[in-house]
Protein backbone atom coordinates (compact mmCIF):
# COMPACT_ATOMS: atom_id res chain seq x y z
CA MET A 1 0.00 0.00 0.00
CA SER A 2 1.42 3.39 -1.00
CA THR A 3 0.92 6.45 1.17
CA ASN A 4 0.97 9.80 -0.59
CA TYR A 5 2.22 12.59 1.60
CA ASP A 6 4.26 15.70 1.06
CA LEU A 7 7.66 16.26 2.71
CA ALA A 8 6.60 19.82 3.52
CA GLU A 9 3.63 18.42 5.45
CA LEU A 10 5.91 16.14 7.45
CA ARG A 11 8.25 19.01 8.24
CA ALA A 12 5.27 21.08 9.45
CA PHE A 13 4.25 18.26 11.78
CA LEU A 14 7.80 17.93 13.18
CA GLU A 15 8.03 21.67 13.84
CA ILE A 16 4.67 21.67 15.67
CA ALA A 17 5.60 18.57 17.67
CA SER A 18 8.97 20.01 18.74
CA ARG A 19 7.58 23.46 19.64
CA GLY A 20 4.17 22.46 20.95
CA SER A 21 2.58 25.33 19.07
CA PHE A 22 1.00 25.87 15.67
CA HIS A 23 1.78 29.57 15.93
CA ASP A 24 5.50 29.12 16.68
CA ALA A 25 5.87 26.46 13.99
CA ALA A 26 4.14 28.65 11.41
CA LYS A 27 6.47 31.52 12.29
CA LYS A 28 9.54 29.27 11.95
CA LEU A 29 8.37 28.01 8.54
CA ASN A 30 7.24 31.47 7.40
CA LEU A 31 3.65 30.26 6.96
CA SER A 32 0.30 31.55 8.00
CA SER A 33 -1.63 29.70 10.73
CA SER A 34 -4.20 28.58 8.20
CA ALA A 35 -1.51 27.29 5.82
CA ILE A 36 0.17 25.16 8.46
CA SER A 37 -3.21 23.86 9.61
CA ARG A 38 -3.98 22.76 6.06
CA ARG A 39 -0.67 20.90 5.89
CA ILE A 40 -1.40 18.97 9.06
CA ALA A 41 -4.91 18.15 7.90
CA SER A 42 -3.57 16.91 4.58
CA LEU A 43 -0.91 14.77 6.31
CA GLU A 44 -3.43 13.21 8.68
CA GLN A 45 -5.73 12.48 5.76
CA ALA A 46 -2.89 10.84 3.80
CA LEU A 47 -1.93 8.69 6.80
CA ASP A 48 -5.57 8.12 7.79
CA THR A 49 -4.42 8.76 11.36
CA ARG A 50 -4.87 11.59 13.84
CA LEU A 51 -1.45 12.90 14.89
CA LEU A 52 -2.28 15.91 17.07
CA ASN A 53 -4.91 16.85 19.62
CA ARG A 54 -5.23 20.61 19.56
CA SER A 55 -6.91 22.81 22.15
CA THR A 56 -6.97 26.56 22.66
CA ARG A 57 -4.01 26.31 25.01
CA SER A 58 -1.89 23.36 23.90
CA VAL A 59 -0.98 20.81 21.25
CA VAL A 60 -0.67 17.20 22.38
CA LEU A 61 0.68 14.34 20.29
CA THR A 62 -1.43 11.22 19.94
CA ASP A 63 0.27 7.84 20.31
CA ALA A 64 0.55 7.68 16.52
CA GLY A 65 2.00 11.19 16.49
CA LYS A 66 4.59 10.28 19.14
CA ASN A 67 5.62 7.22 17.14
CA LEU A 68 5.92 9.19 13.90
CA TYR A 69 7.92 11.94 15.58
CA ALA A 70 10.39 9.49 17.15
CA LEU A 71 10.98 7.69 13.85
CA ALA A 72 10.95 10.68 11.51
CA VAL A 73 13.30 13.06 13.36
CA PRO A 74 16.54 11.09 12.75
CA LEU A 75 15.49 10.24 9.20
CA ILE A 76 14.82 13.86 8.25
CA ALA A 77 18.08 14.90 9.92
CA ALA A 78 19.95 12.30 7.85
CA LEU A 79 18.17 13.46 4.70
CA ASP A 80 19.08 17.09 5.38
CA TYR A 81 22.70 16.11 6.02
CA SER A 82 22.83 14.10 2.80
CA VAL A 83 21.46 16.99 0.76
CA HIS A 84 23.84 19.46 2.43
CA ASP A 85 26.81 17.15 1.90
CA THR A 86 25.87 16.68 -1.75
CA VAL A 87 25.68 20.43 -2.30
CA GLN A 88 29.03 20.93 -0.55
CA GLN A 89 30.58 18.20 -2.66
CA GLY A 90 29.24 19.65 -5.90
CA LEU A 91 30.73 23.02 -5.02
CA GLY A 92 34.02 21.50 -3.90
CA LEU A 93 33.57 22.70 -0.33
CA GLY A 94 33.42 19.23 1.22
CA GLY A 95 32.19 15.71 0.67
CA THR A 96 34.00 12.73 -0.81
CA LEU A 97 35.39 12.14 -4.30
CA THR A 98 35.41 8.41 -5.06
CA LEU A 99 37.81 7.17 -7.74
CA SER A 100 39.19 3.88 -9.02
CA ALA A 101 42.63 3.33 -10.53
CA ILE A 102 44.83 0.50 -11.69
CA SER A 103 47.48 -0.23 -9.08
CA THR A 104 50.38 1.25 -11.04
CA ALA A 105 48.55 4.57 -11.45
CA ALA A 106 47.35 4.57 -7.85
CA PHE A 107 50.94 4.06 -6.74
CA SER A 108 52.70 6.56 -8.97
CA ILE A 109 50.33 9.12 -10.52
CA VAL A 110 47.43 9.67 -8.12
CA PRO A 111 49.59 10.93 -5.21
CA GLN A 112 51.09 13.65 -7.41
CA ALA A 113 47.70 14.76 -8.71
CA LEU A 114 46.24 14.67 -5.20
CA ALA A 115 48.88 17.09 -3.92
CA GLN A 116 47.70 19.66 -6.47
CA PHE A 117 44.04 18.82 -5.87
CA ARG A 118 44.43 19.57 -2.15
CA LYS A 119 45.42 23.16 -2.95
CA GLN A 120 42.09 23.73 -4.71
CA PHE A 121 39.81 21.56 -2.58
CA PRO A 122 41.35 21.10 0.87
CA ASN A 123 38.09 19.87 2.42
CA VAL A 124 37.19 17.22 -0.17
CA ARG A 125 38.05 13.70 0.95
CA LEU A 126 39.37 11.07 -1.46
CA HIS A 127 38.21 7.45 -1.50
CA LEU A 128 40.50 5.54 -3.86
CA HIS A 129 39.79 2.00 -5.06
CA ASP A 130 43.06 0.63 -6.48
CA ASP A 131 42.59 -2.64 -8.32
CA THR A 132 43.00 -4.49 -11.59
CA GLY A 133 41.84 -2.99 -14.85
CA ARG A 134 38.82 -5.28 -14.98
CA HIS A 135 37.68 -4.22 -11.52
CA VAL A 136 38.27 -0.54 -12.29
CA LEU A 137 35.91 -0.90 -15.25
CA GLU A 138 33.36 -2.72 -13.10
CA ASN A 139 33.53 0.01 -10.44
CA VAL A 140 32.80 2.68 -13.03
CA LEU A 141 30.01 0.71 -14.70
CA ALA A 142 28.35 -0.01 -11.35
CA ARG A 143 28.64 3.67 -10.34
CA ARG A 144 30.62 2.76 -7.25
CA VAL A 145 33.08 5.46 -8.33
CA VAL A 146 32.77 8.67 -10.34
CA PHE A 147 35.56 7.80 -12.79
CA GLY A 148 38.70 5.74 -13.09
CA VAL A 149 42.27 5.58 -14.39
CA ASN A 150 42.52 2.46 -16.49
CA THR A 151 44.06 0.63 -19.41
CA LEU A 152 42.14 0.30 -22.64
CA THR A 153 41.62 -3.45 -22.85
CA GLU A 154 38.02 -3.63 -24.02
CA MET A 155 35.43 -1.21 -25.35
CA HIS A 156 32.06 -0.81 -23.66
CA ALA A 157 29.07 1.08 -25.01
CA ASP A 158 28.40 2.83 -21.70
CA ILE A 159 31.99 3.98 -21.19
CA PHE A 160 33.78 7.10 -22.41
CA PHE A 161 37.55 6.54 -22.57
CA GLU A 162 40.05 9.36 -23.00
CA GLU A 163 43.39 7.86 -23.94
CA VAL A 164 46.22 9.95 -22.51
CA ILE A 165 49.49 8.05 -22.93
CA GLN A 166 51.06 4.88 -24.30
CA ASP A 167 52.87 3.17 -21.42
CA PRO A 168 55.59 0.80 -22.69
CA TYR A 169 56.76 -2.35 -20.96
CA VAL A 170 60.39 -2.14 -19.90
CA LEU A 171 63.02 -4.35 -18.31
CA VAL A 172 63.52 -3.35 -14.67
CA LEU A 173 66.42 -4.46 -12.50
CA PRO A 174 68.81 -3.15 -9.83
CA LYS A 175 71.47 -0.87 -11.33
CA ASP A 176 74.33 -3.09 -10.20
CA LEU A 177 72.82 -6.02 -12.11
CA LEU A 178 72.69 -4.20 -15.44
CA PRO A 179 74.44 -6.62 -17.82
CA SER A 180 75.49 -3.93 -20.33
CA ASP A 181 75.25 -0.24 -21.15
CA GLU A 182 72.65 -0.82 -23.82
CA ALA A 183 69.62 1.46 -23.67
CA ILE A 184 67.50 -0.95 -25.69
CA VAL A 185 67.32 -4.73 -25.39
CA ASP A 186 65.74 -7.11 -27.88
CA TRP A 187 63.08 -9.32 -26.31
CA ARG A 188 64.88 -12.37 -27.66
CA ASN A 189 68.03 -11.43 -25.74
CA LEU A 190 66.20 -11.86 -22.44
CA SER A 191 66.68 -15.60 -22.83
CA THR A 192 70.38 -15.06 -22.04
CA LEU A 193 69.48 -14.05 -18.47
CA ILE A 194 69.14 -17.72 -17.64
CA ASP A 195 72.94 -17.96 -17.89
CA THR A 196 73.43 -15.24 -15.27
CA PRO A 197 72.54 -14.95 -11.54
CA ILE A 198 69.58 -12.80 -12.60
CA ARG A 199 66.16 -14.41 -12.77
CA LEU A 200 63.28 -12.89 -14.73
CA ALA A 201 60.06 -12.43 -12.78
CA GLY A 202 56.71 -11.87 -14.40
CA LEU A 203 53.17 -11.14 -13.31
CA GLY A 204 50.87 -14.14 -13.06
CA ILE A 205 48.93 -15.38 -16.05
CA SER A 206 45.73 -13.86 -14.63
CA SER A 207 47.20 -10.39 -15.12
CA ALA A 208 45.99 -8.36 -18.12
CA ASN A 209 49.55 -7.05 -18.54
CA ARG A 210 50.99 -10.56 -18.72
CA LEU A 211 48.25 -11.61 -21.15
CA GLN A 212 49.01 -8.68 -23.45
CA ILE A 213 52.74 -9.41 -23.42
CA ASP A 214 52.39 -13.16 -23.99
CA GLN A 215 49.92 -12.75 -26.84
CA THR A 216 52.07 -10.14 -28.60
CA LEU A 217 55.28 -12.14 -28.24
CA LYS A 218 53.55 -15.28 -29.46
CA ARG A 219 52.55 -13.49 -32.66
CA HIS A 220 56.22 -12.54 -33.15
CA GLY A 221 57.52 -16.01 -32.37
CA VAL A 222 59.34 -14.96 -29.19
CA ASN A 223 59.56 -17.22 -26.16
CA ILE A 224 60.25 -15.54 -22.81
CA PRO A 225 61.87 -17.55 -20.01
CA TRP A 226 59.69 -16.35 -17.12
CA PHE A 227 61.25 -17.83 -13.99
CA ASP A 228 59.35 -16.47 -10.99
CA GLU A 229 55.76 -15.26 -11.02
CA VAL A 230 53.90 -12.92 -8.66
CA GLU A 231 50.29 -11.78 -8.54
CA ASN A 232 50.63 -8.09 -7.73
CA LEU A 233 52.82 -5.03 -8.06
CA THR A 234 53.81 -4.93 -4.40
CA ALA A 235 55.35 -8.40 -4.50
CA MET A 236 57.19 -7.58 -7.73
CA LEU A 237 58.75 -4.46 -6.27
CA GLY A 238 59.79 -6.43 -3.20
CA LEU A 239 61.68 -8.94 -5.35
CA LEU A 240 63.38 -6.15 -7.26
CA ARG A 241 64.53 -4.38 -4.11
CA ALA A 242 65.93 -7.62 -2.72
CA GLY A 243 68.27 -8.03 -5.73
CA ASN A 244 69.11 -10.76 -8.28
CA THR A 245 65.73 -10.27 -9.94
CA ALA A 246 64.76 -8.56 -13.17
CA ALA A 247 61.18 -7.95 -14.24
CA VAL A 248 59.18 -6.79 -17.21
CA MET A 249 56.81 -4.11 -15.99
CA PRO A 250 54.88 -1.11 -17.31
CA ARG A 251 57.17 1.91 -17.10
CA LEU A 252 54.50 3.76 -15.14
CA ALA A 253 55.02 1.37 -12.23
CA LEU A 254 58.51 2.75 -11.73
CA ALA A 255 57.58 6.43 -11.66
CA ALA A 256 57.73 6.50 -7.87
CA CYS A 257 60.74 4.20 -7.44
CA GLU A 258 63.62 6.28 -8.76
CA GLU A 259 65.41 6.31 -5.40
CA TRP A 260 65.25 2.55 -4.94
CA GLY A 261 68.36 1.84 -6.98
CA LEU A 262 66.36 0.44 -9.89
CA THR A 263 66.96 1.14 -13.55
CA THR A 264 64.95 0.52 -16.70
CA VAL A 265 65.94 -0.68 -20.14
CA ASN A 266 63.68 -0.27 -23.13
CA LEU A 267 62.51 -3.43 -24.88
CA ASP A 268 62.13 -3.71 -28.63
CA ASN A 269 61.32 -6.12 -31.45
CA PRO A 270 58.49 -5.82 -30.69
CA MET A 271 57.84 -2.66 -28.68
CA ILE A 272 54.81 -3.42 -26.50
CA ALA A 273 52.80 -0.72 -24.74
CA ARG A 274 49.42 -0.35 -23.08
CA ALA A 275 47.06 2.58 -23.51
CA ILE A 276 46.44 4.47 -20.25
CA GLY A 277 43.64 6.96 -19.82
CA LEU A 278 40.56 8.08 -17.94
CA ILE A 279 37.17 6.38 -18.05
CA ARG A 280 33.69 7.36 -16.94
CA ARG A 281 30.13 6.49 -17.84
CA HIS A 282 28.61 8.55 -20.64
CA ASP A 283 25.65 9.34 -18.39
CA THR A 284 27.71 10.43 -15.37
CA PRO A 285 28.31 14.20 -15.21
CA LEU A 286 31.38 15.31 -13.26
CA SER A 287 31.17 17.69 -10.33
CA THR A 288 33.55 20.65 -10.10
CA PRO A 289 36.06 18.70 -7.93
CA ALA A 290 35.78 15.64 -10.17
CA GLU A 291 36.47 17.71 -13.29
CA ALA A 292 39.51 19.23 -11.57
CA MET A 293 40.86 15.81 -10.57
CA TRP A 294 40.25 14.44 -14.08
CA SER A 295 42.29 17.31 -15.51
CA LEU A 296 45.07 16.93 -12.92
CA LEU A 297 45.40 13.20 -13.56
CA ARG A 298 45.53 13.78 -17.31
CA ASN A 299 48.24 16.42 -16.92
CA THR A 300 50.22 14.27 -14.48
CA LEU A 301 50.19 11.38 -16.95
CA LEU A 302 51.33 13.66 -19.77
CA THR A 303 54.11 15.10 -17.61
CA TYR A 304 55.27 11.60 -16.76
CA GLU A 305 55.34 10.65 -20.45
CA ARG A 306 57.43 13.71 -21.37
CA THR A 307 59.97 13.18 -18.61
CA ALA A 308 60.23 9.37 -18.69
């Protein structure tokens, strides 16, 4: 059964109940006495329940009125807070900006953009979901986040994708393990690592990065001697810092690791790269803070590409 009532009528009832006076409530709501009386009458008719007993001297809540007042006060307060918080968020004066990003971007690019964002919107909180590319896409599609930083692995009709950079895969290893002064290494030459103390670590086969690399190399007839495998970026970086390990990783993953004693060597024949950009739903408009963060992330990615 649906009950048709007006929120203004409910607010009139709450004001009367809290003040014990039609006159005082009407003054607070900037209404005439007759107008507030009509609202109460309409609410009682909609609920088919008497809420107030009114005399010339006082206003007394019925049992139904007491029950409604006790239940409605916290709900209306929560509604008012939600509306206020939404307005503050839209203006960039508060609220929370919820984003999703692939782990490499969350680790290296988002912190730089956030530092600039804080100067413009110091009171806007960030909720960052760092995950795989597939989950970033799912977060955006499900509207769990406003937008995301992701790789372009599949097109979706509901998604707008702004490609920003091409992020190449590079050979990463501790500087003291660098086998030569070459700036570029042929993929086929990685097989010679097996004859050295260095072991080549790769991401697990469930990784979209690993899948892209393996499929591309297979088309070019290149076999890569992956030795160790890990499932996430954190484990890979741990192996690299420990020494005697080399890895093939997106160059973006190393943007925040320059002081760790790691170096990168470009890989060629073939050169493999992934498209990195920003995604959002076509039907999701961006608030002022979200537009600012979108722009800052784009510019941070472009700056990284120019200086890498």
